[in-house]
All heavy atoms as atom14 arrays in JSON, in Angstrom:
{
  "sequence": "RKIEATLSASGLVTSVSKIPSVDIAKVSFIGNQTGED",
  "atom14_mask": [
    [1, 1, 1, 1, 1, 1, 1, 1, 1, 1, 1, 0, 0, 0],
    [1, 1, 1, 1, 1, 1, 1, 1, 1, 0, 0, 0, 0, 0],
    [1, 1, 1, 1, 1, 1, 1, 1, 0, 0, 0, 0, 0, 0],
    [1, 1, 1, 1, 1, 1, 1, 1, 1, 0, 0, 0, 0, 0],
    [1, 1, 1, 1, 1, 0, 0, 0, 0, 0, 0, 0, 0, 0],
    [1, 1, 1, 1, 1, 1, 1, 0, 0, 0, 0, 0, 0, 0],
    [1, 1, 1, 1, 1, 1, 1, 1, 0, 0, 0, 0, 0, 0],
    [1, 1, 1, 1, 1, 1, 0, 0, 0, 0, 0, 0, 0, 0],
    [1, 1, 1, 1, 1, 0, 0, 0, 0, 0, 0, 0, 0, 0],
    [1, 1, 1, 1, 1, 1, 0, 0, 0, 0, 0, 0, 0, 0],
    [1, 1, 1, 1, 0, 0, 0, 0, 0, 0, 0, 0, 0, 0],
    [1, 1, 1, 1, 1, 1, 1, 1, 0, 0, 0, 0, 0, 0],
    [1, 1, 1, 1, 1, 1, 1, 0, 0, 0, 0, 0, 0, 0],
    [1, 1, 1, 1, 1, 1, 1, 0, 0, 0, 0, 0, 0, 0],
    [1, 1, 1, 1, 1, 1, 0, 0, 0, 0, 0, 0, 0, 0],
    [1, 1, 1, 1, 1, 1, 1, 0, 0, 0, 0, 0, 0, 0],
    [1, 1, 1, 1, 1, 1, 0, 0, 0, 0, 0, 0, 0, 0],
    [1, 1, 1, 1, 1, 1, 1, 1, 1, 0, 0, 0, 0, 0],
    [1, 1, 1, 1, 1, 1, 1, 1, 0, 0, 0, 0, 0, 0],
    [1, 1, 1, 1, 1, 1, 1, 0, 0, 0, 0, 0, 0, 0],
    [1, 1, 1, 1, 1, 1, 0, 0, 0, 0, 0, 0, 0, 0],
    [1, 1, 1, 1, 1, 1, 1, 0, 0, 0, 0, 0, 0, 0],
    [1, 1, 1, 1, 1, 1, 1, 1, 0, 0, 0, 0, 0, 0],
    [1, 1, 1, 1, 1, 1, 1, 1, 0, 0, 0, 0, 0, 0],
    [1, 1, 1, 1, 1, 0, 0, 0, 0, 0, 0, 0, 0, 0],
    [1, 1, 1, 1, 1, 1, 1, 1, 1, 0, 0, 0, 0, 0],
    [1, 1, 1, 1, 1, 1, 1, 0, 0, 0, 0, 0, 0, 0],
    [1, 1, 1, 1, 1, 1, 0, 0, 0, 0, 0, 0, 0, 0],
    [1, 1, 1, 1, 1, 1, 1, 1, 1, 1, 1, 0, 0, 0],
    [1, 1, 1, 1, 1, 1, 1, 1, 0, 0, 0, 0, 0, 0],
    [1, 1, 1, 1, 0, 0, 0, 0, 0, 0, 0, 0, 0, 0],
    [1, 1, 1, 1, 1, 1, 1, 1, 0, 0, 0, 0, 0, 0],
    [1, 1, 1, 1, 1, 1, 1, 1, 1, 0, 0, 0, 0, 0],
    [1, 1, 1, 1, 1, 1, 1, 0, 0, 0, 0, 0, 0, 0],
    [1, 1, 1, 1, 0, 0, 0, 0, 0, 0, 0, 0, 0, 0],
    [1, 1, 1, 1, 1, 1, 1, 1, 1, 0, 0, 0, 0, 0],
    [1, 1, 1, 1, 1, 1, 1, 1, 0, 0, 0, 0, 0, 0]
  ],
  "atom14_positions": [
    [[163.52, 122.35, 179.95], [163.58, 122.15, 178.5], [164.83, 122.8, 177.93], [165.24, 123.88, 178.37], [162.34, 122.76, 177.83], [161.03, 122.11, 178.21], [159.88, 122.8, 177.5], [160.04, 122.76, 176.06], [159.3, 123.47, 175.21], [158.34, 124.26, 175.68], [159.48, 123.37, 173.91], [0.0, 0.0, 0.0], [0.0, 0.0, 0.0], [0.0, 0.0, 0.0]],
    [[165.44, 122.15, 176.96], [166.61, 122.69, 176.3], [166.18, 123.51, 175.09], [165.41, 123.05, 174.26], [167.55, 121.57, 175.87], [168.22, 120.87, 177.04], [169.22, 119.83, 176.55], [169.93, 119.18, 177.73], [170.94, 118.17, 177.3], [0.0, 0.0, 0.0], [0.0, 0.0, 0.0], [0.0, 0.0, 0.0], [0.0, 0.0, 0.0], [0.0, 0.0, 0.0]],
    [[166.67, 124.76, 175.06], [166.34, 125.65, 173.95], [167.62, 126.33, 173.49], [168.63, 126.35, 174.2], [165.31, 126.72, 174.36], [165.86, 127.59, 175.5], [163.99, 126.08, 174.76], [164.99, 128.78, 175.84], [0.0, 0.0, 0.0], [0.0, 0.0, 0.0], [0.0, 0.0, 0.0], [0.0, 0.0, 0.0], [0.0, 0.0, 0.0], [0.0, 0.0, 0.0]],
    [[167.57, 126.9, 172.28], [168.69, 127.69, 171.78], [168.41, 129.16, 172.04], [167.3, 129.65, 171.77], [168.91, 127.44, 170.29], [169.44, 126.04, 169.99], [169.77, 125.87, 168.53], [168.93, 126.28, 167.69], [170.84, 125.35, 168.22], [0.0, 0.0, 0.0], [0.0, 0.0, 0.0], [0.0, 0.0, 0.0], [0.0, 0.0, 0.0], [0.0, 0.0, 0.0]],
    [[169.42, 129.85, 172.54], [169.23, 131.25, 172.92], [170.53, 132.02, 172.75], [171.62, 131.44, 172.68], [168.75, 131.34, 174.36], [0.0, 0.0, 0.0], [0.0, 0.0, 0.0], [0.0, 0.0, 0.0], [0.0, 0.0, 0.0], [0.0, 0.0, 0.0], [0.0, 0.0, 0.0], [0.0, 0.0, 0.0], [0.0, 0.0, 0.0], [0.0, 0.0, 0.0]],
    [[170.4, 133.35, 172.67], [171.58, 134.21, 172.71], [171.79, 134.63, 174.15], [170.84, 134.86, 174.9], [171.4, 135.44, 171.81], [170.19, 136.12, 172.18], [171.29, 135.03, 170.35], [0.0, 0.0, 0.0], [0.0, 0.0, 0.0], [0.0, 0.0, 0.0], [0.0, 0.0, 0.0], [0.0, 0.0, 0.0], [0.0, 0.0, 0.0], [0.0, 0.0, 0.0]],
    [[173.06, 134.75, 174.51], [173.42, 135.08, 175.89], [174.21, 136.38, 175.93], [174.96, 136.71, 175.01], [174.25, 133.95, 176.51], [173.65, 132.55, 176.5], [174.63, 131.56, 177.1], [172.32, 132.52, 177.25], [0.0, 0.0, 0.0], [0.0, 0.0, 0.0], [0.0, 0.0, 0.0], [0.0, 0.0, 0.0], [0.0, 0.0, 0.0], [0.0, 0.0, 0.0]],
    [[174.04, 137.11, 177.05], [174.86, 138.29, 177.28], [176.24, 137.87, 177.76], [176.5, 136.68, 178.01], [174.19, 139.18, 178.33], [174.2, 138.54, 179.6], [0.0, 0.0, 0.0], [0.0, 0.0, 0.0], [0.0, 0.0, 0.0], [0.0, 0.0, 0.0], [0.0, 0.0, 0.0], [0.0, 0.0, 0.0], [0.0, 0.0, 0.0], [0.0, 0.0, 0.0]],
    [[177.14, 138.84, 177.89], [178.49, 138.54, 178.36], [178.49, 137.91, 179.74], [179.37, 137.13, 180.09], [179.33, 139.81, 178.35], [0.0, 0.0, 0.0], [0.0, 0.0, 0.0], [0.0, 0.0, 0.0], [0.0, 0.0, 0.0], [0.0, 0.0, 0.0], [0.0, 0.0, 0.0], [0.0, 0.0, 0.0], [0.0, 0.0, 0.0], [0.0, 0.0, 0.0]],
    [[177.46, 138.23, 180.55], [177.37, 137.68, 181.91], [176.62, 136.35, 181.95], [176.44, 135.77, 183.01], [176.69, 138.69, 182.83], [175.37, 138.98, 182.37], [0.0, 0.0, 0.0], [0.0, 0.0, 0.0], [0.0, 0.0, 0.0], [0.0, 0.0, 0.0], [0.0, 0.0, 0.0], [0.0, 0.0, 0.0], [0.0, 0.0, 0.0], [0.0, 0.0, 0.0]],
    [[176.15, 135.89, 180.79], [175.48, 134.59, 180.73], [173.97, 134.64, 180.83], [173.31, 133.61, 180.89], [0.0, 0.0, 0.0], [0.0, 0.0, 0.0], [0.0, 0.0, 0.0], [0.0, 0.0, 0.0], [0.0, 0.0, 0.0], [0.0, 0.0, 0.0], [0.0, 0.0, 0.0], [0.0, 0.0, 0.0], [0.0, 0.0, 0.0], [0.0, 0.0, 0.0]],
    [[173.38, 135.86, 180.82], [171.93, 135.97, 180.88], [171.32, 135.76, 179.49], [171.91, 136.16, 178.48], [171.53, 137.36, 181.41], [171.93, 137.68, 182.85], [171.57, 139.13, 183.18], [171.26, 136.72, 183.83], [0.0, 0.0, 0.0], [0.0, 0.0, 0.0], [0.0, 0.0, 0.0], [0.0, 0.0, 0.0], [0.0, 0.0, 0.0], [0.0, 0.0, 0.0]],
    [[170.15, 135.12, 179.44], [169.45, 134.92, 178.17], [168.91, 136.26, 177.68], [168.18, 136.94, 178.39], [168.3, 133.9, 178.33], [167.48, 133.83, 177.04], [168.85, 132.53, 178.69], [0.0, 0.0, 0.0], [0.0, 0.0, 0.0], [0.0, 0.0, 0.0], [0.0, 0.0, 0.0], [0.0, 0.0, 0.0], [0.0, 0.0, 0.0], [0.0, 0.0, 0.0]],
    [[169.29, 136.63, 176.48], [168.81, 137.89, 175.91], [167.77, 137.69, 174.82], [166.98, 138.59, 174.53], [169.99, 138.7, 175.33], [170.65, 137.9, 174.33], [170.98, 139.06, 176.42], [0.0, 0.0, 0.0], [0.0, 0.0, 0.0], [0.0, 0.0, 0.0], [0.0, 0.0, 0.0], [0.0, 0.0, 0.0], [0.0, 0.0, 0.0], [0.0, 0.0, 0.0]],
    [[167.75, 136.5, 174.2], [166.76, 136.24, 173.15], [166.66, 134.75, 172.91], [167.65, 134.03, 172.99], [167.16, 136.95, 171.85], [166.28, 136.6, 170.81], [0.0, 0.0, 0.0], [0.0, 0.0, 0.0], [0.0, 0.0, 0.0], [0.0, 0.0, 0.0], [0.0, 0.0, 0.0], [0.0, 0.0, 0.0], [0.0, 0.0, 0.0], [0.0, 0.0, 0.0]],
    [[165.42, 134.31, 172.63], [165.21, 132.91, 172.26], [164.63, 132.82, 170.85], [164.24, 131.76, 170.4], [164.26, 132.2, 173.25], [164.91, 132.12, 174.62], [162.91, 132.9, 173.33], [0.0, 0.0, 0.0], [0.0, 0.0, 0.0], [0.0, 0.0, 0.0], [0.0, 0.0, 0.0], [0.0, 0.0, 0.0], [0.0, 0.0, 0.0], [0.0, 0.0, 0.0]],
    [[164.59, 133.96, 170.15], [164.05, 134.0, 168.79], [165.2, 134.12, 167.8], [166.05, 135.01, 167.93], [163.1, 135.19, 168.62], [162.0, 135.08, 169.48], [0.0, 0.0, 0.0], [0.0, 0.0, 0.0], [0.0, 0.0, 0.0], [0.0, 0.0, 0.0], [0.0, 0.0, 0.0], [0.0, 0.0, 0.0], [0.0, 0.0, 0.0], [0.0, 0.0, 0.0]],
    [[165.22, 133.22, 166.84], [166.21, 133.3, 165.78], [165.7, 134.25, 164.7], [164.66, 134.0, 164.09], [166.49, 131.92, 165.2], [167.24, 130.99, 166.15], [167.65, 129.71, 165.45], [168.51, 128.85, 166.36], [168.98, 127.62, 165.68], [0.0, 0.0, 0.0], [0.0, 0.0, 0.0], [0.0, 0.0, 0.0], [0.0, 0.0, 0.0], [0.0, 0.0, 0.0]],
    [[166.41, 135.34, 164.5], [165.96, 136.37, 163.58], [166.7, 136.21, 162.25], [167.93, 136.28, 162.2], [166.22, 137.77, 164.16], [165.49, 137.91, 165.51], [165.76, 138.85, 163.18], [165.79, 139.2, 166.23], [0.0, 0.0, 0.0], [0.0, 0.0, 0.0], [0.0, 0.0, 0.0], [0.0, 0.0, 0.0], [0.0, 0.0, 0.0], [0.0, 0.0, 0.0]],
    [[165.97, 135.99, 161.17], [166.64, 135.84, 159.85], [167.35, 137.12, 159.44], [166.88, 138.23, 159.69], [165.48, 135.53, 158.9], [164.38, 135.05, 159.78], [164.53, 135.78, 161.07], [0.0, 0.0, 0.0], [0.0, 0.0, 0.0], [0.0, 0.0, 0.0], [0.0, 0.0, 0.0], [0.0, 0.0, 0.0], [0.0, 0.0, 0.0], [0.0, 0.0, 0.0]],
    [[168.49, 136.96, 158.81], [169.21, 138.1, 158.27], [168.46, 138.66, 157.07], [167.84, 137.93, 156.3], [170.62, 137.67, 157.85], [171.26, 138.69, 157.1], [0.0, 0.0, 0.0], [0.0, 0.0, 0.0], [0.0, 0.0, 0.0], [0.0, 0.0, 0.0], [0.0, 0.0, 0.0], [0.0, 0.0, 0.0], [0.0, 0.0, 0.0], [0.0, 0.0, 0.0]],
    [[168.53, 139.98, 156.9], [167.94, 140.6, 155.71], [169.02, 140.86, 154.66], [168.71, 141.32, 153.55], [167.21, 141.92, 156.06], [166.04, 141.65, 156.97], [168.17, 142.91, 156.71], [0.0, 0.0, 0.0], [0.0, 0.0, 0.0], [0.0, 0.0, 0.0], [0.0, 0.0, 0.0], [0.0, 0.0, 0.0], [0.0, 0.0, 0.0], [0.0, 0.0, 0.0]],
    [[170.27, 140.58, 155.0], [171.39, 140.87, 154.1], [172.02, 139.61, 153.5], [172.64, 139.68, 152.44], [172.48, 141.64, 154.84], [171.97, 142.92, 155.48], [171.26, 143.66, 154.78], [172.27, 143.17, 156.66], [0.0, 0.0, 0.0], [0.0, 0.0, 0.0], [0.0, 0.0, 0.0], [0.0, 0.0, 0.0], [0.0, 0.0, 0.0], [0.0, 0.0, 0.0]],
    [[171.88, 138.48, 154.18], [172.51, 137.24, 153.77], [171.44, 136.19, 153.54], [170.52, 136.04, 154.35], [173.51, 136.73, 154.84], [174.5, 137.83, 155.22], [174.23, 135.49, 154.34], [175.42, 138.26, 154.11], [0.0, 0.0, 0.0], [0.0, 0.0, 0.0], [0.0, 0.0, 0.0], [0.0, 0.0, 0.0], [0.0, 0.0, 0.0], [0.0, 0.0, 0.0]],
    [[171.54, 135.44, 152.44], [170.55, 134.41, 152.14], [171.19, 133.33, 151.28], [172.26, 133.52, 150.7], [169.33, 135.0, 151.43], [0.0, 0.0, 0.0], [0.0, 0.0, 0.0], [0.0, 0.0, 0.0], [0.0, 0.0, 0.0], [0.0, 0.0, 0.0], [0.0, 0.0, 0.0], [0.0, 0.0, 0.0], [0.0, 0.0, 0.0], [0.0, 0.0, 0.0]],
    [[170.53, 132.19, 151.21], [170.99, 131.07, 150.37], [170.08, 130.96, 149.16], [168.86, 130.94, 149.29], [170.96, 129.77, 151.18], [171.42, 128.55, 150.4], [171.36, 127.3, 151.26], [171.8, 126.06, 150.49], [171.72, 124.84, 151.34], [0.0, 0.0, 0.0], [0.0, 0.0, 0.0], [0.0, 0.0, 0.0], [0.0, 0.0, 0.0], [0.0, 0.0, 0.0]],
    [[170.69, 130.89, 147.99], [169.92, 130.81, 146.74], [169.33, 129.41, 146.6], [170.07, 128.43, 146.45], [170.8, 131.15, 145.52], [169.99, 130.99, 144.23], [171.36, 132.56, 145.63], [0.0, 0.0, 0.0], [0.0, 0.0, 0.0], [0.0, 0.0, 0.0], [0.0, 0.0, 0.0], [0.0, 0.0, 0.0], [0.0, 0.0, 0.0], [0.0, 0.0, 0.0]],
    [[168.01, 129.33, 146.66], [167.33, 128.03, 146.51], [166.96, 127.75, 145.06], [167.04, 126.61, 144.61], [166.08, 128.0, 147.4], [166.42, 128.1, 148.76], [0.0, 0.0, 0.0], [0.0, 0.0, 0.0], [0.0, 0.0, 0.0], [0.0, 0.0, 0.0], [0.0, 0.0, 0.0], [0.0, 0.0, 0.0], [0.0, 0.0, 0.0], [0.0, 0.0, 0.0]],
    [[166.52, 128.8, 144.34], [166.13, 128.64, 142.94], [166.57, 129.89, 142.18], [166.37, 131.01, 142.64], [164.61, 128.46, 142.8], [164.08, 127.24, 143.5], [163.57, 127.34, 144.78], [164.11, 126.0, 142.88], [163.09, 126.23, 145.45], [163.63, 124.87, 143.53], [163.13, 124.99, 144.81], [0.0, 0.0, 0.0], [0.0, 0.0, 0.0], [0.0, 0.0, 0.0]],
    [[167.16, 129.67, 141.01], [167.61, 130.79, 140.19], [167.44, 130.42, 138.72], [167.67, 129.28, 138.32], [169.09, 131.16, 140.5], [169.49, 132.42, 139.75], [170.03, 129.99, 140.21], [170.83, 133.01, 140.23], [0.0, 0.0, 0.0], [0.0, 0.0, 0.0], [0.0, 0.0, 0.0], [0.0, 0.0, 0.0], [0.0, 0.0, 0.0], [0.0, 0.0, 0.0]],
    [[166.98, 131.39, 137.94], [166.79, 131.16, 136.51], [167.74, 132.01, 135.69], [168.83, 132.39, 136.14], [0.0, 0.0, 0.0], [0.0, 0.0, 0.0], [0.0, 0.0, 0.0], [0.0, 0.0, 0.0], [0.0, 0.0, 0.0], [0.0, 0.0, 0.0], [0.0, 0.0, 0.0], [0.0, 0.0, 0.0], [0.0, 0.0, 0.0], [0.0, 0.0, 0.0]],
    [[167.33, 132.35, 134.5], [168.15, 133.16, 133.6], [168.07, 134.63, 133.96], [167.07, 135.12, 134.5], [167.69, 132.97, 132.16], [167.92, 131.55, 131.67], [168.99, 130.99, 131.84], [166.89, 130.96, 131.06], [0.0, 0.0, 0.0], [0.0, 0.0, 0.0], [0.0, 0.0, 0.0], [0.0, 0.0, 0.0], [0.0, 0.0, 0.0], [0.0, 0.0, 0.0]],
    [[169.13, 135.35, 133.61], [169.07, 136.8, 133.67], [168.29, 137.3, 132.45], [168.14, 136.6, 131.45], [170.48, 137.41, 133.66], [171.29, 137.13, 134.9], [172.51, 138.02, 134.97], [172.43, 139.16, 135.41], [173.64, 137.49, 134.53], [0.0, 0.0, 0.0], [0.0, 0.0, 0.0], [0.0, 0.0, 0.0], [0.0, 0.0, 0.0], [0.0, 0.0, 0.0]],
    [[167.82, 138.53, 132.54], [167.19, 139.16, 131.39], [168.26, 139.77, 130.5], [169.4, 139.98, 130.92], [166.2, 140.25, 131.83], [166.88, 141.2, 132.66], [165.04, 139.65, 132.61], [0.0, 0.0, 0.0], [0.0, 0.0, 0.0], [0.0, 0.0, 0.0], [0.0, 0.0, 0.0], [0.0, 0.0, 0.0], [0.0, 0.0, 0.0], [0.0, 0.0, 0.0]],
    [[167.9, 140.04, 129.24], [168.84, 140.68, 128.34], [169.58, 139.69, 127.45], [169.21, 138.53, 127.32], [0.0, 0.0, 0.0], [0.0, 0.0, 0.0], [0.0, 0.0, 0.0], [0.0, 0.0, 0.0], [0.0, 0.0, 0.0], [0.0, 0.0, 0.0], [0.0, 0.0, 0.0], [0.0, 0.0, 0.0], [0.0, 0.0, 0.0], [0.0, 0.0, 0.0]],
    [[170.66, 140.17, 126.84], [171.38, 139.39, 125.84], [172.13, 138.2, 126.43], [172.26, 137.16, 125.79], [172.36, 140.3, 125.07], [171.67, 141.38, 124.23], [172.67, 142.21, 123.46], [173.89, 141.94, 123.58], [172.23, 143.12, 122.74], [0.0, 0.0, 0.0], [0.0, 0.0, 0.0], [0.0, 0.0, 0.0], [0.0, 0.0, 0.0], [0.0, 0.0, 0.0]],
    [[172.64, 138.35, 127.64], [173.38, 137.25, 128.29], [172.51, 136.65, 129.39], [172.37, 137.23, 130.46], [174.69, 137.75, 128.89], [175.52, 136.62, 129.5], [175.09, 135.45, 129.4], [176.58, 136.92, 130.08], [0.0, 0.0, 0.0], [0.0, 0.0, 0.0], [0.0, 0.0, 0.0], [0.0, 0.0, 0.0], [0.0, 0.0, 0.0], [0.0, 0.0, 0.0]]
  ]
}
């Protein structure tokens, strides 16, 4: 089976789980800010 994985420098599979970033994201929905503006 073909899967997506991360590989080590020697080509060994190190992970097959895609881990979401906690620092980077895409804004799907956004409303108004609070306050005067």
